[in-house]
Amino acid sequence: QAQFMESGGGLVEPGGSLRLSCKFFGSNFGVYPMAWYRQIPGKQREWVAGINNMGTTIYAHSVNERFRISRDNTQNSLYLEMNNLNPEDAAVYYCNIGYTTPTTNTWGRGTAVTVAS
């Protein structure tokens, strides 16, 4: 069963940038579509961006033009480059298999992003 470990979060000022990483533990990473999700405490987890096994990407409207999802199949890793961050982007970010909907019930610990002056 696949497992995930997210990293790269932290505190950033509005307008700043961060790059998140997700390490995939399991087999055949390259064949899976992958996605990033985020969750604010007390709210439902929401989808942020997805990338399929061919490298085609898709983004939630709220992050389009500011975030960029990518993957390195040789490293079993998924990335999320986040630019021009605003306080509404503050959340715990997770990765999972699936293009726009998670296909496993296994979640990592996530990585927390805080956007504040």
Protein backbone atom coordinates (compact mmCIF):
# COMPACT_ATOMS: atom_id res chain seq x y z
CA GLN A 1 0.00 0.00 0.00
CA ALA A 2 1.36 3.39 -0.97
CA GLN A 3 2.43 5.83 1.69
CA PHE A 4 3.30 9.49 1.44
CA MET A 5 5.57 11.92 3.23
CA GLU A 6 5.11 15.63 2.62
CA SER A 7 7.67 18.31 3.42
CA GLY A 8 8.65 21.86 2.62
CA GLY A 9 6.00 23.82 4.46
CA GLY A 10 6.71 26.76 6.71
CA LEU A 11 6.00 30.38 7.45
CA VAL A 12 6.07 32.78 4.54
CA GLU A 13 5.02 36.40 4.11
CA PRO A 14 2.18 37.32 1.77
CA GLY A 15 3.50 37.37 -1.78
CA GLY A 16 6.19 34.86 -0.94
CA SER A 17 6.94 31.43 -2.37
CA LEU A 18 7.39 27.88 -1.13
CA ARG A 19 8.14 24.55 -2.75
CA LEU A 20 6.49 21.49 -1.28
CA SER A 21 7.68 17.94 -1.80
CA CYS A 22 5.89 14.61 -1.51
CA LYS A 23 7.83 11.37 -1.28
CA PHE A 24 5.91 8.32 -2.49
CA PHE A 25 6.66 5.01 -0.82
CA GLY A 26 5.40 2.09 -2.85
CA SER A 27 5.59 0.64 -6.34
CA ASN A 28 4.97 2.00 -9.81
CA PHE A 29 4.83 5.68 -8.89
CA GLY A 30 5.20 6.67 -12.53
CA VAL A 31 1.93 5.08 -13.64
CA TYR A 32 -0.23 6.95 -11.15
CA PRO A 33 -1.86 10.32 -11.51
CA MET A 34 -1.04 12.35 -8.41
CA ALA A 35 -2.49 15.39 -6.74
CA TRP A 36 -2.05 17.89 -3.96
CA TYR A 37 -4.79 18.66 -1.45
CA ARG A 38 -5.01 21.08 1.43
CA GLN A 39 -7.03 21.32 4.60
CA ILE A 40 -7.75 24.16 6.97
CA PRO A 41 -8.53 22.97 10.51
CA GLY A 42 -12.25 22.47 10.89
CA LYS A 43 -12.87 22.39 7.15
CA GLN A 44 -12.97 19.69 4.53
CA ARG A 45 -9.87 18.77 2.63
CA GLU A 46 -9.88 20.38 -0.82
CA TRP A 47 -8.16 19.48 -4.05
CA VAL A 48 -5.47 21.90 -5.24
CA ALA A 49 -3.72 20.50 -8.31
CA GLY A 50 -3.24 17.25 -10.21
CA ILE A 51 -0.77 15.74 -12.66
CA ASN A 52 -1.32 12.58 -14.67
CA ASN A 53 1.22 10.00 -15.72
CA MET A 54 1.84 11.87 -18.98
CA GLY A 55 2.61 15.13 -17.18
CA THR A 56 -0.66 16.88 -17.99
CA THR A 57 -1.59 19.23 -15.18
CA ILE A 58 -4.81 20.70 -13.83
CA TYR A 59 -5.38 23.31 -11.14
CA ALA A 60 -8.10 24.58 -8.88
CA HIS A 61 -9.25 28.01 -9.97
CA SER A 62 -8.04 29.57 -6.72
CA VAL A 63 -4.40 28.61 -7.39
CA ASN A 64 -4.25 28.67 -11.18
CA GLU A 65 -1.39 30.82 -12.50
CA ARG A 66 0.26 30.87 -9.04
CA PHE A 67 0.97 27.19 -8.29
CA ARG A 68 2.82 24.65 -10.39
CA ILE A 69 2.66 20.89 -9.85
CA SER A 70 5.42 18.64 -11.14
CA ARG A 71 6.82 15.18 -10.62
CA ASP A 72 10.09 13.31 -10.84
CA ASN A 73 9.38 9.66 -11.47
CA THR A 74 13.05 8.75 -10.98
CA GLN A 75 12.80 10.05 -7.40
CA ASN A 76 9.25 8.84 -6.68
CA SER A 77 8.49 12.44 -5.84
CA LEU A 78 5.78 15.00 -6.41
CA TYR A 79 6.27 18.75 -6.04
CA LEU A 80 4.17 21.87 -5.67
CA GLU A 81 5.75 25.22 -6.37
CA MET A 82 3.63 27.95 -4.81
CA ASN A 83 4.08 31.61 -5.71
CA ASN A 84 2.41 34.84 -4.68
CA LEU A 85 1.02 33.19 -1.58
CA ASN A 86 -1.80 34.83 0.30
CA PRO A 87 -3.35 34.12 3.73
CA GLU A 88 -6.11 32.03 2.09
CA ASP A 89 -3.44 29.54 1.02
CA ALA A 90 -2.53 28.75 4.62
CA ALA A 91 -3.37 25.12 5.30
CA VAL A 92 -1.89 21.68 5.79
CA TYR A 93 -0.96 20.29 2.39
CA TYR A 94 -1.17 16.60 1.49
CA CYS A 95 -0.52 14.46 -1.56
CA ASN A 96 -2.32 11.35 -2.74
CA ILE A 97 -2.87 9.19 -5.78
CA GLY A 98 -5.53 10.44 -8.15
CA TYR A 99 -5.89 13.31 -10.64
CA THR A 100 -8.64 15.29 -8.94
CA THR A 101 -10.00 12.84 -6.39
CA PRO A 102 -7.93 10.79 -3.93
CA THR A 103 -8.03 7.08 -4.67
CA THR A 104 -6.59 5.87 -1.39
CA ASN A 105 -7.61 6.40 2.21
CA THR A 106 -3.98 6.59 3.22
CA TRP A 107 -2.74 10.06 4.03
CA GLY A 108 0.61 11.33 5.19
CA ARG A 109 1.07 13.80 8.03
CA GLY A 110 1.00 16.69 5.60
CA THR A 111 3.11 19.80 5.68
CA ALA A 112 1.83 23.03 7.18
CA VAL A 113 1.94 26.31 5.28
CA THR A 114 1.43 29.56 7.18
CA VAL A 115 1.14 32.87 5.36
CA ALA A 116 1.52 35.88 7.60
CA SER A 117 3.43 39.14 7.92
